[in-house]
N, C-alpha and C. Protein backbone atom coordinates (compact mmCIF):
# COMPACT_ATOMS: atom_id res chain seq x y z
N MET A 1 0.90 -1.23 0.04
CA MET A 1 -0.14 0.10 -0.05
C MET A 1 0.90 1.31 0.12
N TRP A 2 1.97 1.32 0.66
CA TRP A 2 2.70 2.64 0.92
C TRP A 2 3.51 2.71 -0.39
N ARG A 3 3.97 1.41 -0.89
CA ARG A 3 4.53 1.67 -2.32
C ARG A 3 3.90 2.17 -3.31
N GLN A 4 2.46 1.82 -3.42
CA GLN A 4 1.73 2.44 -4.29
C GLN A 4 1.48 3.85 -4.18
N LEU A 5 1.46 4.14 -2.93
CA LEU A 5 1.09 5.64 -2.33
C LEU A 5 2.24 6.57 -3.10
N LEU A 6 3.62 6.07 -2.56
CA LEU A 6 4.67 6.78 -2.86
C LEU A 6 4.89 6.77 -4.54
N LEU A 7 4.60 5.68 -5.21
CA LEU A 7 4.67 5.77 -6.65
C LEU A 7 3.78 6.65 -7.25
N ALA A 8 2.53 6.93 -6.65
CA ALA A 8 1.53 7.81 -7.21
C ALA A 8 1.90 9.26 -6.93
N LEU A 9 2.42 9.37 -5.72
CA LEU A 9 3.00 10.91 -5.44
C LEU A 9 4.22 11.05 -6.13
N SER A 10 4.95 10.19 -6.54
CA SER A 10 6.18 10.63 -7.36
C SER A 10 5.75 10.98 -8.78
N LEU A 11 4.59 10.23 -9.29
CA LEU A 11 4.03 10.42 -10.68
C LEU A 11 3.57 11.94 -10.60
N VAL A 12 2.71 12.32 -9.57
CA VAL A 12 2.14 13.66 -9.62
C VAL A 12 2.90 14.55 -9.57
N MET A 13 4.23 14.41 -8.88
CA MET A 13 5.21 15.38 -8.82
C MET A 13 5.92 15.52 -9.99
N GLU A 14 6.31 14.48 -10.69
CA GLU A 14 6.94 14.71 -12.01
C GLU A 14 5.96 15.14 -13.00
N LEU A 15 4.83 14.99 -12.98
CA LEU A 15 3.88 15.56 -14.05
C LEU A 15 3.90 17.01 -13.62
N GLY A 16 3.73 17.44 -12.50
CA GLY A 16 3.80 19.00 -12.12
C GLY A 16 5.15 19.72 -12.55
N LEU A 17 6.27 19.12 -12.06
CA LEU A 17 7.41 19.63 -12.37
C LEU A 17 7.71 19.65 -13.97
N THR A 18 7.32 18.75 -14.59
CA THR A 18 7.47 18.81 -16.15
C THR A 18 6.69 19.91 -16.62
N ILE A 19 5.49 20.20 -16.29
CA ILE A 19 4.83 21.33 -16.74
C ILE A 19 5.27 22.66 -16.42
N VAL A 20 5.58 22.90 -15.02
CA VAL A 20 6.04 24.03 -14.73
C VAL A 20 7.44 24.29 -15.06
N LEU A 21 8.29 23.24 -15.16
CA LEU A 21 9.72 23.53 -15.83
C LEU A 21 9.55 23.99 -17.17
N SER A 22 8.93 23.23 -17.86
CA SER A 22 8.76 23.54 -19.62
C SER A 22 8.09 24.98 -19.60
N ALA A 23 7.03 25.11 -18.79
CA ALA A 23 6.66 26.72 -18.99
C ALA A 23 7.43 27.62 -18.44
N GLY A 24 8.20 27.53 -17.52
CA GLY A 24 9.38 28.34 -16.95
C GLY A 24 10.33 28.66 -18.17
N LEU A 25 10.76 27.47 -18.70
CA LEU A 25 11.93 27.65 -19.84
C LEU A 25 11.36 28.30 -20.95
N GLY A 26 10.18 28.17 -21.24
CA GLY A 26 9.68 28.72 -22.54
C GLY A 26 9.62 30.29 -22.24
N TRP A 27 9.11 30.73 -20.90
CA TRP A 27 8.80 32.13 -20.85
C TRP A 27 10.38 32.77 -20.69
N TRP A 28 11.23 32.02 -20.00
CA TRP A 28 12.72 32.47 -19.88
C TRP A 28 13.15 32.81 -21.07
N ALA A 29 13.04 31.75 -22.16
CA ALA A 29 13.65 32.08 -23.49
C ALA A 29 13.05 33.18 -24.01
N GLY A 30 11.48 33.35 -23.98
CA GLY A 30 10.95 34.48 -24.57
C GLY A 30 11.21 35.69 -24.05
N LEU A 31 11.53 35.94 -22.73
CA LEU A 31 12.02 37.08 -22.13
C LEU A 31 13.52 37.57 -22.71
N TRP A 32 14.53 36.40 -22.79
CA TRP A 32 15.72 36.72 -23.36
C TRP A 32 15.48 37.13 -24.82
N LEU A 33 14.74 36.44 -25.55
CA LEU A 33 14.57 37.13 -27.09
C LEU A 33 13.92 38.35 -26.85
N ASP A 34 13.02 38.66 -26.13
CA ASP A 34 12.28 40.13 -26.12
C ASP A 34 13.65 40.83 -25.76
N ALA A 35 14.49 40.79 -24.82
CA ALA A 35 15.31 41.72 -24.51
C ALA A 35 16.35 41.80 -25.64
N ARG A 36 16.86 40.75 -26.44
CA ARG A 36 17.80 40.84 -27.14
C ARG A 36 17.33 41.48 -28.63
N PHE A 37 16.15 41.18 -28.81
CA PHE A 37 15.81 42.04 -30.16
C PHE A 37 14.71 43.35 -30.03
N GLY A 38 14.39 43.44 -28.70
CA GLY A 38 13.59 44.81 -28.37
C GLY A 38 12.20 44.43 -28.45
N TYR A 39 11.58 43.36 -28.38
CA TYR A 39 10.09 43.19 -28.74
C TYR A 39 9.44 43.63 -27.30
N ASN A 40 8.23 43.63 -27.15
CA ASN A 40 7.58 44.42 -25.98
C ASN A 40 6.81 43.25 -25.47
N GLY A 41 7.42 42.13 -25.01
CA GLY A 41 6.63 40.99 -24.22
C GLY A 41 5.88 39.85 -24.96
N VAL A 42 5.94 40.37 -26.25
CA VAL A 42 5.14 39.25 -27.18
C VAL A 42 5.84 38.09 -27.32
N VAL A 43 6.98 37.87 -27.50
CA VAL A 43 7.87 36.56 -27.57
C VAL A 43 7.91 35.82 -26.09
N SER A 44 7.69 36.65 -25.09
CA SER A 44 7.77 35.89 -23.91
C SER A 44 6.39 35.06 -23.55
N ILE A 45 5.19 35.79 -24.15
CA ILE A 45 3.90 35.12 -24.10
C ILE A 45 3.91 34.04 -24.91
N VAL A 46 4.46 33.97 -26.11
CA VAL A 46 4.40 32.97 -27.10
C VAL A 46 5.31 31.96 -26.50
N GLY A 47 6.39 32.14 -25.99
CA GLY A 47 7.21 31.09 -25.26
C GLY A 47 6.69 30.50 -24.13
N LEU A 48 5.94 31.29 -23.38
CA LEU A 48 5.00 30.60 -22.26
C LEU A 48 4.03 29.58 -22.84
N ILE A 49 3.56 30.22 -23.73
CA ILE A 49 2.32 29.26 -24.55
C ILE A 49 2.92 27.83 -25.11
N ILE A 50 4.02 28.05 -25.77
CA ILE A 50 4.69 26.95 -26.32
C ILE A 50 5.26 26.07 -25.10
N GLY A 51 5.80 26.77 -24.06
CA GLY A 51 6.33 25.76 -23.08
C GLY A 51 5.32 24.98 -22.29
N VAL A 52 4.06 25.73 -22.16
CA VAL A 52 2.94 25.16 -21.54
C VAL A 52 2.59 23.70 -22.45
N ALA A 53 2.38 24.01 -23.71
CA ALA A 53 1.70 23.09 -24.61
C ALA A 53 2.71 21.97 -24.45
N SER A 54 4.12 22.32 -24.63
CA SER A 54 4.99 21.06 -24.58
C SER A 54 5.01 20.21 -23.18
N GLY A 55 4.91 20.98 -22.14
CA GLY A 55 4.81 20.26 -20.91
C GLY A 55 3.66 19.35 -20.93
N PHE A 56 2.44 19.91 -21.38
CA PHE A 56 1.35 18.96 -21.51
C PHE A 56 1.63 17.56 -22.32
N VAL A 57 2.23 17.88 -23.50
CA VAL A 57 2.66 16.80 -24.27
C VAL A 57 3.59 15.75 -23.51
N VAL A 58 4.44 16.23 -22.90
CA VAL A 58 5.28 15.40 -22.31
C VAL A 58 4.57 14.54 -21.17
N ALA A 59 3.94 15.17 -20.24
CA ALA A 59 3.08 14.86 -19.28
C ALA A 59 1.90 13.75 -19.77
N TYR A 60 1.46 13.87 -21.05
CA TYR A 60 0.56 12.96 -21.57
C TYR A 60 1.15 11.59 -21.82
N ARG A 61 2.52 11.95 -22.69
CA ARG A 61 3.42 10.76 -23.06
C ARG A 61 3.67 9.89 -21.85
N LEU A 62 4.15 10.57 -20.70
CA LEU A 62 4.41 9.80 -19.54
C LEU A 62 3.26 9.17 -18.78
N LEU A 63 2.08 9.72 -18.94
CA LEU A 63 0.86 9.03 -18.34
C LEU A 63 0.49 7.73 -19.22
N GLN A 64 0.84 8.05 -20.61
CA GLN A 64 0.50 6.94 -21.48
C GLN A 64 1.38 5.58 -21.18
N ARG A 65 2.75 5.94 -21.04
CA ARG A 65 3.75 4.88 -20.73
C ARG A 65 3.39 4.20 -19.18
N VAL A 66 2.87 5.00 -18.22
CA VAL A 66 2.62 4.38 -16.93
C VAL A 66 1.43 3.53 -17.17
N LEU A 67 0.31 4.04 -17.80
CA LEU A 67 -0.84 3.18 -17.90
C LEU A 67 -0.67 2.06 -18.69
N ALA A 68 0.20 2.11 -19.87
CA ALA A 68 0.26 1.04 -20.53
C ALA A 68 1.20 -0.13 -19.86
N GLY A 69 1.92 0.18 -18.95
CA GLY A 69 2.67 -0.81 -18.04
C GLY A 69 1.99 -1.18 -16.94
N GLY A 70 0.62 -1.12 -16.77
CA GLY A 70 -0.15 -1.58 -15.98
C GLY A 70 -0.56 -0.79 -14.73
N GLY A 71 0.01 0.39 -14.78
CA GLY A 71 -0.09 1.26 -13.76
C GLY A 71 0.75 0.72 -12.33
N PHE A 72 0.30 0.96 -11.14
CA PHE A 72 1.12 0.89 -10.13
C PHE A 72 0.98 -0.46 -9.47
N GLY A 73 1.22 -1.63 -10.23
CA GLY A 73 0.97 -3.05 -9.45
C GLY A 73 1.97 -3.33 -8.52
N ASP A 74 1.56 -4.49 -7.71
CA ASP A 74 2.55 -4.78 -6.64
C ASP A 74 4.01 -5.26 -7.29
N GLY A 75 3.95 -5.78 -8.82
CA GLY A 75 5.37 -6.23 -8.98
C GLY A 75 6.14 -5.37 -9.73
């Protein structure tokens, strides 16, 4: 029981960190491009949107892999 709980918590943390870090990286890259080329925050918003979308894609693939493997079985 504890093993399944810890595996589920680790999956939730991994999903959350994946989405947050992807969004943060996209936003940071957009801010860098905004500062470098003189845009007024447009690229940072686009970077944030791309980061969030890519985070959800990675999270979806992770969930597919976990669920295809039978979830959190005892074995």
